[in-house]
C-alpha cells in the first residue's frame, strides 16, 4: 500500500536514523501523527536546536554550547591523563561510570583507508598540539573501539606520541573485539579502564 506523500516522506526521514528499518519508521511516523501539534513543534524545535546550537569544543572536540566544554574547563579534573575516544557519545558512556576523572579527546572517527579516512580527517593534529602545549600530560589512554580500524588507529597514535615520552595505554579487559563503547555496561567499562595496558 502506498501512503500519502507527507507520511511517506516522514517514514523515509525516520529511516535515516541508525538501526531504524521500515517497520519501526512507519510505527514512529504514525505515532508522530497522533501527537499534539505543540508536541510535534517542540520535537522539531529540539532537532533544530541540537543542529544549530551545538558546536565542537576547540580543545577536545566534545559537543558543547560554548567554545570550550565543561570537562576542559573543570580544574578539578586530573590534568595528567587524556582519554582518547572516537565520538562525543563515548565520553558520556565513560564519564558516567565515575571511575575516570581526567581529560578527554574526541578523534571524530577512526582511520579507515577503505572508506577514505586518513589521519588528516581526524582530530589528531589537535591532539598533538594539546600534548605539546600541556606539559602536565603524562598518560594518553586510547579508548577506540575494539575493531580492526580502532586497533589500527590506536597503534598509529602510539607511534606518534611515544617519542614525546608520554605513556600510551589502551583499554583492555572487558571490551570484546568488535564491541562499541556506547553499548558496554558500567562494570565492563570500569574493568576496561582499570585494566588498560601500555602499547
C-alpha atoms as a PDB file:
ATOM      1  CA  UNK A   1       0.000   0.000   0.000  1.00  0.00           C
ATOM      2  CA  UNK A   2       1.243   3.460  -0.872  1.00  0.00           C
ATOM      3  CA  UNK A   3       0.861   6.087   1.836  1.00  0.00           C
ATOM      4  CA  UNK A   4       0.162   9.747   1.072  1.00  0.00           C
ATOM      5  CA  UNK A   5       3.365  11.659   0.293  1.00  0.00           C
ATOM      6  CA  UNK A   6       3.680  13.513   3.641  1.00  0.00           C
ATOM      7  CA  UNK A   7       3.642  10.269   5.665  1.00  0.00           C
ATOM      8  CA  UNK A   8       5.929   8.522   3.135  1.00  0.00           C
ATOM      9  CA  UNK A   9       8.461  11.342   3.470  1.00  0.00           C
ATOM     10  CA  UNK A  10       8.235  11.169   7.262  1.00  0.00           C
ATOM     11  CA  UNK A  11       8.845   7.393   7.167  1.00  0.00           C
ATOM     12  CA  UNK A  12      11.855   7.969   4.893  1.00  0.00           C
ATOM     13  CA  UNK A  13      13.171  10.586   7.322  1.00  0.00           C
ATOM     14  CA  UNK A  14      12.930   8.219  10.295  1.00  0.00           C
ATOM     15  CA  UNK A  15      14.676   5.516   8.245  1.00  0.00           C
ATOM     16  CA  UNK A  16      17.718   7.802   8.020  1.00  0.00           C
ATOM     17  CA  UNK A  17      18.323   7.152  11.732  1.00  0.00           C
ATOM     18  CA  UNK A  18      20.734   4.292  12.527  1.00  0.00           C
ATOM     19  CA  UNK A  19      19.080   0.967  13.304  1.00  0.00           C
ATOM     20  CA  UNK A  20      15.628   2.091  12.144  1.00  0.00           C
ATOM     21  CA  UNK A  21      14.048  -0.092   9.468  1.00  0.00           C
ATOM     22  CA  UNK A  22      10.843   0.479   7.501  1.00  0.00           C
ATOM     23  CA  UNK A  23       8.566  -1.171  10.082  1.00  0.00           C
ATOM     24  CA  UNK A  24       9.889   0.853  13.007  1.00  0.00           C
ATOM     25  CA  UNK A  25       9.979   4.049  10.918  1.00  0.00           C
ATOM     26  CA  UNK A  26       6.340   3.520   9.932  1.00  0.00           C
ATOM     27  CA  UNK A  27       5.348   2.986  13.574  1.00  0.00           C
ATOM     28  CA  UNK A  28       7.212   6.155  14.590  1.00  0.00           C
ATOM     29  CA  UNK A  29       5.638   8.166  11.761  1.00  0.00           C
ATOM     30  CA  UNK A  30       2.111   7.138  12.750  1.00  0.00           C
ATOM     31  CA  UNK A  31       2.915   7.834  16.403  1.00  0.00           C
ATOM     32  CA  UNK A  32       4.003  11.330  15.351  1.00  0.00           C
ATOM     33  CA  UNK A  33       0.646  11.827  13.590  1.00  0.00           C
ATOM     34  CA  UNK A  34      -1.093  11.109  16.895  1.00  0.00           C
ATOM     35  CA  UNK A  35       0.925  13.709  18.810  1.00  0.00           C
ATOM     36  CA  UNK A  36      -0.423  17.173  19.610  1.00  0.00           C
ATOM     37  CA  UNK A  37       0.722  19.922  17.243  1.00  0.00           C
ATOM     38  CA  UNK A  38       2.600  21.551  20.129  1.00  0.00           C
ATOM     39  CA  UNK A  39       4.484  18.305  20.849  1.00  0.00           C
ATOM     40  CA  UNK A  40       5.457  17.961  17.186  1.00  0.00           C
ATOM     41  CA  UNK A  41       6.622  21.580  17.139  1.00  0.00           C
ATOM     42  CA  UNK A  42       8.693  21.041  20.297  1.00  0.00           C
ATOM     43  CA  UNK A  43      10.216  17.908  18.748  1.00  0.00           C
ATOM     44  CA  UNK A  44      11.112  19.850  15.580  1.00  0.00           C
ATOM     45  CA  UNK A  45      12.485  22.754  17.641  1.00  0.00           C
ATOM     46  CA  UNK A  46      14.669  20.345  19.643  1.00  0.00           C
ATOM     47  CA  UNK A  47      16.059  18.851  16.425  1.00  0.00           C
ATOM     48  CA  UNK A  48      16.907  22.298  15.063  1.00  0.00           C
ATOM     49  CA  UNK A  49      18.384  23.438  18.372  1.00  0.00           C
ATOM     50  CA  UNK A  50      20.663  20.399  18.530  1.00  0.00           C
ATOM     51  CA  UNK A  51      21.821  21.100  14.980  1.00  0.00           C
ATOM     52  CA  UNK A  52      22.196  24.880  15.318  1.00  0.00           C
ATOM     53  CA  UNK A  53      23.222  25.457  18.951  1.00  0.00           C
ATOM     54  CA  UNK A  54      25.794  22.707  19.476  1.00  0.00           C
ATOM     55  CA  UNK A  55      29.413  23.063  18.426  1.00  0.00           C
ATOM     56  CA  UNK A  56      32.630  21.159  18.991  1.00  0.00           C
ATOM     57  CA  UNK A  57      34.940  22.122  21.842  1.00  0.00           C
ATOM     58  CA  UNK A  58      38.002  23.855  20.392  1.00  0.00           C
ATOM     59  CA  UNK A  59      40.249  21.970  22.832  1.00  0.00           C
ATOM     60  CA  UNK A  60      38.981  18.379  22.865  1.00  0.00           C
ATOM     61  CA  UNK A  61      36.314  18.075  20.152  1.00  0.00           C
ATOM     62  CA  UNK A  62      33.463  17.198  22.553  1.00  0.00           C
ATOM     63  CA  UNK A  63      29.989  18.643  21.882  1.00  0.00           C
ATOM     64  CA  UNK A  64      29.182  21.827  23.767  1.00  0.00           C
ATOM     65  CA  UNK A  65      27.147  25.007  23.586  1.00  0.00           C
ATOM     66  CA  UNK A  66      30.241  27.095  24.401  1.00  0.00           C
ATOM     67  CA  UNK A  67      33.646  27.463  22.769  1.00  0.00           C
ATOM     68  CA  UNK A  68      35.170  25.152  25.411  1.00  0.00           C
ATOM     69  CA  UNK A  69      33.288  22.242  27.027  1.00  0.00           C
ATOM     70  CA  UNK A  70      32.627  21.857  30.758  1.00  0.00           C
ATOM     71  CA  UNK A  71      35.143  18.993  31.054  1.00  0.00           C
ATOM     72  CA  UNK A  72      38.028  21.051  29.646  1.00  0.00           C
ATOM     73  CA  UNK A  73      37.220  23.997  31.936  1.00  0.00           C
ATOM     74  CA  UNK A  74      36.921  21.831  35.079  1.00  0.00           C
ATOM     75  CA  UNK A  75      40.128  22.461  37.056  1.00  0.00           C
ATOM     76  CA  UNK A  76      39.246  19.618  39.465  1.00  0.00           C
ATOM     77  CA  UNK A  77      39.843  17.024  36.757  1.00  0.00           C
ATOM     78  CA  UNK A  78      43.149  15.155  36.565  1.00  0.00           C
ATOM     79  CA  UNK A  79      45.220  17.155  34.059  1.00  0.00           C
ATOM     80  CA  UNK A  80      47.844  14.401  33.696  1.00  0.00           C
ATOM     81  CA  UNK A  81      45.717  11.982  31.633  1.00  0.00           C
ATOM     82  CA  UNK A  82      43.853  12.318  28.351  1.00  0.00           C
ATOM     83  CA  UNK A  83      41.469   9.560  27.288  1.00  0.00           C
ATOM     84  CA  UNK A  84      41.044   9.420  23.505  1.00  0.00           C
ATOM     85  CA  UNK A  85      37.661   8.334  22.103  1.00  0.00           C
ATOM     86  CA  UNK A  86      36.138   8.061  18.650  1.00  0.00           C
ATOM     87  CA  UNK A  87      32.960  10.107  19.175  1.00  0.00           C
ATOM     88  CA  UNK A  88      31.457  12.517  21.765  1.00  0.00           C
ATOM     89  CA  UNK A  89      28.852   9.878  22.746  1.00  0.00           C
ATOM     90  CA  UNK A  90      31.732   7.714  24.046  1.00  0.00           C
ATOM     91  CA  UNK A  91      32.612  10.427  26.579  1.00  0.00           C
ATOM     92  CA  UNK A  92      29.107  10.193  28.035  1.00  0.00           C
ATOM     93  CA  UNK A  93      29.438   6.416  28.496  1.00  0.00           C
ATOM     94  CA  UNK A  94      32.891   6.611  30.083  1.00  0.00           C
ATOM     95  CA  UNK A  95      32.230   9.626  32.287  1.00  0.00           C
ATOM     96  CA  UNK A  96      29.026   8.113  33.713  1.00  0.00           C
ATOM     97  CA  UNK A  97      30.996   5.296  35.371  1.00  0.00           C
ATOM     98  CA  UNK A  98      32.681   7.770  37.781  1.00  0.00           C
ATOM     99  CA  UNK A  99      35.995   5.866  37.721  1.00  0.00           C
ATOM    100  CA  UNK A 100      37.903   8.227  35.444  1.00  0.00           C
ATOM    101  CA  UNK A 101      38.413  11.889  36.309  1.00  0.00           C
ATOM    102  CA  UNK A 102      40.868  13.007  33.664  1.00  0.00           C
ATOM    103  CA  UNK A 103      40.508  14.839  30.357  1.00  0.00           C
ATOM    104  CA  UNK A 104      39.176  13.564  27.026  1.00  0.00           C
ATOM    105  CA  UNK A 105      39.914  13.982  23.343  1.00  0.00           C
ATOM    106  CA  UNK A 106      37.498  13.155  20.506  1.00  0.00           C
ATOM    107  CA  UNK A 107      39.046  11.935  17.258  1.00  0.00           C
ATOM    108  CA  UNK A 108      35.820  12.165  15.266  1.00  0.00           C
ATOM    109  CA  UNK A 109      36.219   8.646  13.876  1.00  0.00           C
ATOM    110  CA  UNK A 110      38.966   6.122  13.159  1.00  0.00           C
ATOM    111  CA  UNK A 111      41.482   5.525  10.403  1.00  0.00           C
ATOM    112  CA  UNK A 112      39.841   3.624   7.561  1.00  0.00           C
ATOM    113  CA  UNK A 113      41.683   3.655   4.223  1.00  0.00           C
ATOM    114  CA  UNK A 114      38.830   1.651   2.634  1.00  0.00           C
ATOM    115  CA  UNK A 115      36.417   4.486   3.470  1.00  0.00           C
ATOM    116  CA  UNK A 116      38.954   7.164   2.557  1.00  0.00           C
ATOM    117  CA  UNK A 117      39.515   8.268   6.175  1.00  0.00           C
ATOM    118  CA  UNK A 118      43.142   9.203   6.796  1.00  0.00           C
ATOM    119  CA  UNK A 119      44.966  10.977   9.668  1.00  0.00           C
ATOM    120  CA  UNK A 120      44.130  14.393   8.211  1.00  0.00           C
ATOM    121  CA  UNK A 121      40.400  13.616   8.523  1.00  0.00           C
ATOM    122  CA  UNK A 122      40.605  13.086  12.292  1.00  0.00           C
ATOM    123  CA  UNK A 123      41.370  15.427  15.229  1.00  0.00           C
ATOM    124  CA  UNK A 124      44.902  14.028  15.510  1.00  0.00           C
ATOM    125  CA  UNK A 125      46.671  17.342  14.829  1.00  0.00           C
ATOM    126  CA  UNK A 126      44.600  18.989  17.583  1.00  0.00           C
ATOM    127  CA  UNK A 127      45.599  16.179  19.976  1.00  0.00           C
ATOM    128  CA  UNK A 128      49.314  16.528  19.175  1.00  0.00           C
ATOM    129  CA  UNK A 129      49.093  20.303  19.719  1.00  0.00           C
ATOM    130  CA  UNK A 130      47.449  19.695  23.125  1.00  0.00           C
ATOM    131  CA  UNK A 131      50.236  17.342  24.135  1.00  0.00           C
ATOM    132  CA  UNK A 132      52.910  19.833  23.056  1.00  0.00           C
ATOM    133  CA  UNK A 133      51.257  22.728  24.902  1.00  0.00           C
ATOM    134  CA  UNK A 134      50.361  20.869  28.107  1.00  0.00           C
ATOM    135  CA  UNK A 135      53.443  19.559  29.905  1.00  0.00           C
ATOM    136  CA  UNK A 136      51.255  18.100  32.696  1.00  0.00           C
ATOM    137  CA  UNK A 137      50.030  15.220  30.489  1.00  0.00           C
ATOM    138  CA  UNK A 138      51.823  12.017  31.479  1.00  0.00           C
ATOM    139  CA  UNK A 139      49.491   9.377  30.025  1.00  0.00           C
ATOM    140  CA  UNK A 140      47.403   9.042  26.895  1.00  0.00           C
ATOM    141  CA  UNK A 141      44.679   6.377  27.227  1.00  0.00           C
ATOM    142  CA  UNK A 142      43.393   5.221  23.859  1.00  0.00           C
ATOM    143  CA  UNK A 143      39.768   4.097  24.024  1.00  0.00           C
ATOM    144  CA  UNK A 144      38.925   3.493  20.389  1.00  0.00           C
ATOM    145  CA  UNK A 145      36.502   0.633  19.788  1.00  0.00           C
ATOM    146  CA  UNK A 146      37.878  -2.923  19.607  1.00  0.00           C
ATOM    147  CA  UNK A 147      37.540  -3.134  15.825  1.00  0.00           C
ATOM    148  CA  UNK A 148      40.312  -3.532  13.224  1.00  0.00           C
ATOM    149  CA  UNK A 149      40.047   0.208  12.455  1.00  0.00           C
ATOM    150  CA  UNK A 150      40.066   1.091  16.154  1.00  0.00           C
ATOM    151  CA  UNK A 151      43.156  -1.055  16.734  1.00  0.00           C
ATOM    152  CA  UNK A 152      44.959   0.445  13.730  1.00  0.00           C
ATOM    153  CA  UNK A 153      44.147   3.947  14.979  1.00  0.00           C
ATOM    154  CA  UNK A 154      45.447   3.083  18.459  1.00  0.00           C
ATOM    155  CA  UNK A 155      48.726   1.770  17.023  1.00  0.00           C
ATOM    156  CA  UNK A 156      49.096   4.845  14.812  1.00  0.00           C
ATOM    157  CA  UNK A 157      48.584   7.214  17.757  1.00  0.00           C
ATOM    158  CA  UNK A 158      51.010   5.238  19.931  1.00  0.00           C
ATOM    159  CA  UNK A 159      53.743   5.571  17.274  1.00  0.00           C
ATOM    160  CA  UNK A 160      53.163   9.338  17.069  1.00  0.00           C
ATOM    161  CA  UNK A 161      53.049  10.005  20.817  1.00  0.00           C
ATOM    162  CA  UNK A 162      55.591   7.613  22.362  1.00  0.00           C
ATOM    163  CA  UNK A 163      58.671   9.542  21.151  1.00  0.00           C
ATOM    164  CA  UNK A 164      57.465  12.500  23.261  1.00  0.00           C
ATOM    165  CA  UNK A 165      57.961  10.389  26.408  1.00  0.00           C
ATOM    166  CA  UNK A 166      54.249  10.179  27.210  1.00  0.00           C
ATOM    167  CA  UNK A 167      52.952   6.822  28.432  1.00  0.00           C
ATOM    168  CA  UNK A 168      50.417   5.386  25.970  1.00  0.00           C
ATOM    169  CA  UNK A 169      47.898   2.812  27.217  1.00  0.00           C
ATOM    170  CA  UNK A 170      44.927   1.057  25.633  1.00  0.00           C
ATOM    171  CA  UNK A 171      41.649  -0.029  27.205  1.00  0.00           C
ATOM    172  CA  UNK A 172      41.843  -3.740  27.825  1.00  0.00           C
ATOM    173  CA  UNK A 173      39.914  -6.445  29.723  1.00  0.00           C
ATOM    174  CA  UNK A 174      36.184  -6.347  29.404  1.00  0.00           C
ATOM    175  CA  UNK A 175      35.677  -4.970  25.907  1.00  0.00           C
ATOM    176  CA  UNK A 176      35.210  -7.743  23.371  1.00  0.00           C
ATOM    177  CA  UNK A 177      36.683  -7.393  19.882  1.00  0.00           C
ATOM    178  CA  UNK A 178      34.110  -5.773  17.633  1.00  0.00           C
ATOM    179  CA  UNK A 179      32.183  -4.164  20.506  1.00  0.00           C
ATOM    180  CA  UNK A 180      31.244  -0.482  20.817  1.00  0.00           C
ATOM    181  CA  UNK A 181      31.935   1.540  23.982  1.00  0.00           C
ATOM    182  CA  UNK A 182      28.498   3.122  23.670  1.00  0.00           C
ATOM    183  CA  UNK A 183      26.748  -0.209  24.363  1.00  0.00           C
ATOM    184  CA  UNK A 184      29.028  -1.523  27.118  1.00  0.00           C
ATOM    185  CA  UNK A 185      27.702  -1.651  30.682  1.00  0.00           C
ATOM    186  CA  UNK A 186      29.283   0.304  33.547  1.00  0.00           C
ATOM    187  CA  UNK A 187      31.168  -2.663  35.056  1.00  0.00           C
ATOM    188  CA  UNK A 188      32.649  -3.630  31.670  1.00  0.00           C
ATOM    189  CA  UNK A 189      33.823  -0.066  31.077  1.00  0.00           C
ATOM    190  CA  UNK A 190      35.255   0.205  34.591  1.00  0.00           C
ATOM    191  CA  UNK A 191      37.152  -3.049  34.097  1.00  0.00           C
ATOM    192  CA  UNK A 192      38.418  -1.854  30.726  1.00  0.00           C
ATOM    193  CA  UNK A 193      39.747   1.439  32.126  1.00  0.00           C
ATOM    194  CA  UNK A 194      41.335  -0.127  35.206  1.00  0.00           C
ATOM    195  CA  UNK A 195      42.824  -2.977  33.153  1.00  0.00           C
ATOM    196  CA  UNK A 196      44.291  -0.789  30.413  1.00  0.00           C
ATOM    197  CA  UNK A 197      47.641  -1.862  29.032  1.00  0.00           C
ATOM    198  CA  UNK A 198      50.598   0.002  27.618  1.00  0.00           C
ATOM    199  CA  UNK A 199      51.072  -0.108  23.837  1.00  0.00           C
END
